[in-house]
Amino acid sequence: MICGSGTTGGGPRTSCYTEFVRNVTITLDEDTARWARIEAARHDTSVSRWVGQLLEERRRSTLDYERARHSYLQRRGAPLKPPGATLPSRDELHQR
């Protein structure tokens, strides 16, 4: 969690962190930067925090997908036919 306090008009700002936070630099074209500023303002946050939240959501979504995929692939496959039964031939499936 990140918290901050300070005064408006360029006064001192303080921040507190409950976990390590890494700063990164990104490069955006002007249209994308403008869009990001507008979206961040709509969410009442800074561009930095807004981008961080987007990346965190994406990371969680990817992790959830990978866990679900792994769980699915670990399942034992269901048989396509009862034991001893034969599958239909290609011609039987595609009778014309």
N, C-alpha and C. Protein backbone atom coordinates (compact mmCIF):
# COMPACT_ATOMS: atom_id res chain seq x y z
N MET A 1 0.84 -1.17 0.00
CA MET A 1 0.00 0.00 0.00
C MET A 1 0.88 1.22 0.00
N ILE A 2 0.53 2.23 -0.77
CA ILE A 2 1.26 3.47 -0.84
C ILE A 2 0.34 4.56 -0.32
N CYS A 3 0.85 5.40 0.54
CA CYS A 3 0.03 6.52 1.00
C CYS A 3 0.85 7.77 0.89
N GLY A 4 0.19 8.90 0.84
CA GLY A 4 0.91 10.15 0.70
C GLY A 4 0.16 11.27 1.36
N SER A 5 0.89 12.26 1.77
CA SER A 5 0.28 13.47 2.29
C SER A 5 1.17 14.61 1.89
N GLY A 6 0.63 15.76 1.89
CA GLY A 6 1.41 16.92 1.52
C GLY A 6 0.50 18.10 1.38
N THR A 7 1.05 19.20 1.02
CA THR A 7 0.25 20.39 0.85
C THR A 7 0.22 20.74 -0.61
N THR A 8 -0.80 21.45 -1.01
CA THR A 8 -0.87 21.88 -2.40
C THR A 8 0.05 23.06 -2.59
N GLY A 9 0.37 23.36 -3.80
CA GLY A 9 1.22 24.50 -4.09
C GLY A 9 2.70 24.19 -3.97
N GLY A 10 3.06 22.93 -4.10
CA GLY A 10 4.47 22.60 -4.12
C GLY A 10 5.09 22.36 -2.75
N GLY A 11 4.27 22.20 -1.73
CA GLY A 11 4.78 21.95 -0.39
C GLY A 11 5.38 20.56 -0.29
N PRO A 12 5.91 20.23 0.88
CA PRO A 12 6.54 18.92 1.04
C PRO A 12 5.53 17.79 0.94
N ARG A 13 5.97 16.68 0.42
CA ARG A 13 5.14 15.48 0.31
C ARG A 13 5.87 14.36 1.03
N THR A 14 5.11 13.55 1.68
CA THR A 14 5.68 12.36 2.30
C THR A 14 4.93 11.16 1.79
N SER A 15 5.58 10.04 1.73
CA SER A 15 4.96 8.80 1.29
C SER A 15 5.35 7.70 2.26
N CYS A 16 4.49 6.72 2.39
CA CYS A 16 4.84 5.55 3.19
C CYS A 16 4.57 4.31 2.36
N TYR A 17 5.39 3.31 2.54
CA TYR A 17 5.28 2.08 1.77
C TYR A 17 5.23 0.92 2.75
N THR A 18 4.34 -0.02 2.50
CA THR A 18 4.33 -1.23 3.32
C THR A 18 5.06 -2.35 2.61
N GLU A 19 5.46 -2.12 1.37
CA GLU A 19 6.24 -3.10 0.62
C GLU A 19 7.15 -2.35 -0.33
N PHE A 20 8.18 -3.02 -0.81
CA PHE A 20 9.13 -2.39 -1.71
C PHE A 20 8.47 -2.04 -3.04
N VAL A 21 8.69 -0.84 -3.52
CA VAL A 21 8.12 -0.39 -4.79
C VAL A 21 9.28 0.02 -5.69
N ARG A 22 9.26 -0.44 -6.93
CA ARG A 22 10.32 -0.14 -7.89
C ARG A 22 9.81 0.91 -8.88
N ASN A 23 10.58 1.95 -9.08
CA ASN A 23 10.25 2.96 -10.09
C ASN A 23 10.77 2.49 -11.44
N VAL A 24 9.98 2.71 -12.48
CA VAL A 24 10.40 2.41 -13.84
C VAL A 24 10.09 3.60 -14.72
N THR A 25 10.74 3.68 -15.84
CA THR A 25 10.50 4.74 -16.81
C THR A 25 9.91 4.10 -18.06
N ILE A 26 8.85 4.70 -18.59
CA ILE A 26 8.26 4.22 -19.84
C ILE A 26 8.26 5.35 -20.84
N THR A 27 8.27 5.01 -22.11
CA THR A 27 8.24 5.99 -23.17
C THR A 27 6.93 5.83 -23.93
N LEU A 28 6.19 6.94 -24.07
CA LEU A 28 4.90 6.94 -24.76
C LEU A 28 4.89 7.99 -25.84
N ASP A 29 4.17 7.71 -26.92
CA ASP A 29 3.97 8.77 -27.90
C ASP A 29 3.00 9.79 -27.30
N GLU A 30 2.93 10.97 -27.89
CA GLU A 30 2.15 12.08 -27.31
C GLU A 30 0.67 11.74 -27.16
N ASP A 31 0.07 11.09 -28.16
CA ASP A 31 -1.36 10.74 -28.06
C ASP A 31 -1.62 9.76 -26.92
N THR A 32 -0.75 8.77 -26.79
CA THR A 32 -0.92 7.79 -25.71
C THR A 32 -0.71 8.45 -24.35
N ALA A 33 0.28 9.32 -24.24
CA ALA A 33 0.54 10.03 -22.98
C ALA A 33 -0.67 10.90 -22.61
N ARG A 34 -1.25 11.58 -23.57
CA ARG A 34 -2.43 12.41 -23.32
C ARG A 34 -3.59 11.54 -22.84
N TRP A 35 -3.81 10.41 -23.52
CA TRP A 35 -4.88 9.50 -23.14
C TRP A 35 -4.65 8.98 -21.71
N ALA A 36 -3.41 8.62 -21.40
CA ALA A 36 -3.09 8.10 -20.07
C ALA A 36 -3.36 9.15 -18.99
N ARG A 37 -3.01 10.40 -19.25
CA ARG A 37 -3.27 11.47 -18.28
C ARG A 37 -4.77 11.63 -18.05
N ILE A 38 -5.55 11.57 -19.13
CA ILE A 38 -7.01 11.71 -19.02
C ILE A 38 -7.59 10.53 -18.23
N GLU A 39 -7.17 9.31 -18.57
CA GLU A 39 -7.68 8.13 -17.87
C GLU A 39 -7.30 8.15 -16.39
N ALA A 40 -6.08 8.54 -16.09
CA ALA A 40 -5.65 8.63 -14.70
C ALA A 40 -6.50 9.65 -13.95
N ALA A 41 -6.76 10.79 -14.58
CA ALA A 41 -7.59 11.82 -13.95
C ALA A 41 -9.01 11.30 -13.73
N ARG A 42 -9.54 10.55 -14.69
CA ARG A 42 -10.88 9.97 -14.52
C ARG A 42 -10.94 9.03 -13.34
N HIS A 43 -9.82 8.38 -13.03
CA HIS A 43 -9.75 7.46 -11.90
C HIS A 43 -9.20 8.15 -10.64
N ASP A 44 -9.04 9.45 -10.72
CA ASP A 44 -8.58 10.27 -9.60
C ASP A 44 -7.26 9.75 -9.02
N THR A 45 -6.30 9.52 -9.92
CA THR A 45 -5.00 9.03 -9.50
C THR A 45 -3.93 9.59 -10.44
N SER A 46 -2.69 9.33 -10.11
CA SER A 46 -1.59 9.75 -10.98
C SER A 46 -1.43 8.77 -12.14
N VAL A 47 -0.76 9.21 -13.18
CA VAL A 47 -0.49 8.32 -14.32
C VAL A 47 0.35 7.14 -13.83
N SER A 48 1.32 7.42 -12.99
CA SER A 48 2.19 6.35 -12.49
C SER A 48 1.39 5.29 -11.75
N ARG A 49 0.53 5.71 -10.84
CA ARG A 49 -0.26 4.73 -10.08
C ARG A 49 -1.26 4.03 -10.99
N TRP A 50 -1.86 4.76 -11.93
CA TRP A 50 -2.84 4.17 -12.84
C TRP A 50 -2.19 3.08 -13.70
N VAL A 51 -1.02 3.38 -14.25
CA VAL A 51 -0.30 2.39 -15.06
C VAL A 51 0.09 1.19 -14.18
N GLY A 52 0.54 1.46 -12.96
CA GLY A 52 0.87 0.38 -12.05
C GLY A 52 -0.32 -0.52 -11.76
N GLN A 53 -1.50 0.08 -11.58
CA GLN A 53 -2.70 -0.72 -11.34
C GLN A 53 -3.07 -1.55 -12.56
N LEU A 54 -2.94 -0.95 -13.75
CA LEU A 54 -3.21 -1.71 -14.98
C LEU A 54 -2.29 -2.92 -15.09
N LEU A 55 -1.02 -2.70 -14.83
CA LEU A 55 -0.05 -3.80 -14.93
C LEU A 55 -0.32 -4.86 -13.87
N GLU A 56 -0.68 -4.44 -12.66
CA GLU A 56 -0.99 -5.41 -11.61
C GLU A 56 -2.21 -6.24 -11.98
N GLU A 57 -3.25 -5.60 -12.53
CA GLU A 57 -4.45 -6.34 -12.98
C GLU A 57 -4.08 -7.34 -14.06
N ARG A 58 -3.25 -6.93 -14.99
CA ARG A 58 -2.82 -7.82 -16.07
C ARG A 58 -2.02 -9.00 -15.54
N ARG A 59 -1.13 -8.70 -14.58
CA ARG A 59 -0.32 -9.76 -13.98
C ARG A 59 -1.19 -10.77 -13.27
N ARG A 60 -2.15 -10.29 -12.49
CA ARG A 60 -3.05 -11.20 -11.77
C ARG A 60 -3.89 -12.03 -12.75
N SER A 61 -4.37 -11.39 -13.79
CA SER A 61 -5.16 -12.10 -14.79
C SER A 61 -4.34 -13.20 -15.45
N THR A 62 -3.11 -12.88 -15.78
CA THR A 62 -2.22 -13.87 -16.41
C THR A 62 -1.94 -15.02 -15.45
N LEU A 63 -1.68 -14.70 -14.19
CA LEU A 63 -1.42 -15.75 -13.20
C LEU A 63 -2.66 -16.63 -13.02
N ASP A 64 -3.84 -16.01 -12.95
CA ASP A 64 -5.08 -16.78 -12.80
C ASP A 64 -5.28 -17.71 -14.00
N TYR A 65 -5.02 -17.19 -15.20
CA TYR A 65 -5.16 -18.00 -16.41
C TYR A 65 -4.19 -19.18 -16.38
N GLU A 66 -2.94 -18.91 -16.02
CA GLU A 66 -1.94 -19.97 -16.00
C GLU A 66 -2.28 -21.04 -14.96
N ARG A 67 -2.79 -20.62 -13.80
CA ARG A 67 -3.20 -21.60 -12.78
C ARG A 67 -4.34 -22.46 -13.30
N ALA A 68 -5.34 -21.83 -13.91
CA ALA A 68 -6.49 -22.57 -14.44
C ALA A 68 -6.04 -23.52 -15.55
N ARG A 69 -5.17 -23.05 -16.43
CA ARG A 69 -4.66 -23.89 -17.52
C ARG A 69 -3.91 -25.09 -16.97
N HIS A 70 -3.05 -24.84 -16.00
CA HIS A 70 -2.28 -25.93 -15.39
C HIS A 70 -3.22 -26.94 -14.73
N SER A 71 -4.21 -26.44 -14.01
CA SER A 71 -5.17 -27.32 -13.35
C SER A 71 -5.92 -28.18 -14.37
N TYR A 72 -6.33 -27.55 -15.47
CA TYR A 72 -7.05 -28.28 -16.52
C TYR A 72 -6.17 -29.35 -17.15
N LEU A 73 -4.94 -29.00 -17.44
CA LEU A 73 -4.05 -29.94 -18.11
C LEU A 73 -3.63 -31.09 -17.19
N GLN A 74 -3.76 -30.92 -15.88
CA GLN A 74 -3.42 -31.98 -14.95
C GLN A 74 -4.53 -33.02 -14.81
N ARG A 75 -5.71 -32.67 -15.30
CA ARG A 75 -6.84 -33.60 -15.20
C ARG A 75 -6.63 -34.80 -16.12
N ARG A 76 -7.16 -35.90 -15.70
CA ARG A 76 -7.10 -37.09 -16.53
C ARG A 76 -8.16 -36.98 -17.62
N GLY A 77 -7.81 -37.31 -18.84
CA GLY A 77 -8.73 -37.20 -19.96
C GLY A 77 -9.90 -38.16 -19.83
N ALA A 78 -11.05 -37.74 -20.29
CA ALA A 78 -12.23 -38.60 -20.29
C ALA A 78 -12.19 -39.49 -21.52
N PRO A 79 -12.61 -40.75 -21.38
CA PRO A 79 -12.58 -41.64 -22.55
C PRO A 79 -13.59 -41.19 -23.61
N LEU A 80 -13.23 -41.36 -24.86
CA LEU A 80 -14.10 -40.98 -25.97
C LEU A 80 -15.14 -42.06 -26.27
N LYS A 81 -14.92 -43.24 -25.76
CA LYS A 81 -15.83 -44.35 -26.04
C LYS A 81 -15.80 -45.31 -24.85
N PRO A 82 -16.84 -46.08 -24.69
CA PRO A 82 -16.81 -47.09 -23.62
C PRO A 82 -15.77 -48.16 -23.95
N PRO A 83 -15.24 -48.81 -22.93
CA PRO A 83 -14.25 -49.87 -23.18
C PRO A 83 -14.82 -50.94 -24.12
N GLY A 84 -14.04 -51.31 -25.10
CA GLY A 84 -14.44 -52.35 -26.05
C GLY A 84 -15.21 -51.82 -27.25
N ALA A 85 -15.74 -50.61 -27.20
CA ALA A 85 -16.49 -50.06 -28.32
C ALA A 85 -15.51 -49.52 -29.37
N THR A 86 -15.95 -49.50 -30.61
CA THR A 86 -15.11 -48.96 -31.69
C THR A 86 -15.63 -47.59 -32.07
N LEU A 87 -14.71 -46.77 -32.50
CA LEU A 87 -15.09 -45.44 -32.98
C LEU A 87 -15.59 -45.56 -34.41
N PRO A 88 -16.49 -44.67 -34.84
CA PRO A 88 -16.95 -44.71 -36.23
C PRO A 88 -15.80 -44.38 -37.18
N SER A 89 -15.90 -44.93 -38.39
CA SER A 89 -14.87 -44.65 -39.39
C SER A 89 -15.09 -43.23 -39.94
N ARG A 90 -14.10 -42.77 -40.67
CA ARG A 90 -14.20 -41.44 -41.28
C ARG A 90 -15.40 -41.40 -42.23
N ASP A 91 -15.57 -42.44 -43.03
CA ASP A 91 -16.69 -42.47 -43.98
C ASP A 91 -18.03 -42.44 -43.25
N GLU A 92 -18.12 -43.13 -42.12
CA GLU A 92 -19.37 -43.12 -41.36
C GLU A 92 -19.65 -41.73 -40.78
N LEU A 93 -18.62 -41.03 -40.40
CA LEU A 93 -18.81 -39.69 -39.84
C LEU A 93 -19.18 -38.68 -40.93
N HIS A 94 -18.67 -38.89 -42.12
CA HIS A 94 -18.86 -37.92 -43.20
C HIS A 94 -19.68 -38.54 -44.36
N GLN A 95 -20.75 -39.20 -44.03
CA GLN A 95 -21.59 -39.79 -45.09
C GLN A 95 -22.12 -38.68 -45.98
N ARG A 96 -21.98 -38.91 -47.26
CA ARG A 96 -22.37 -37.85 -48.20
C ARG A 96 -23.48 -38.31 -49.08
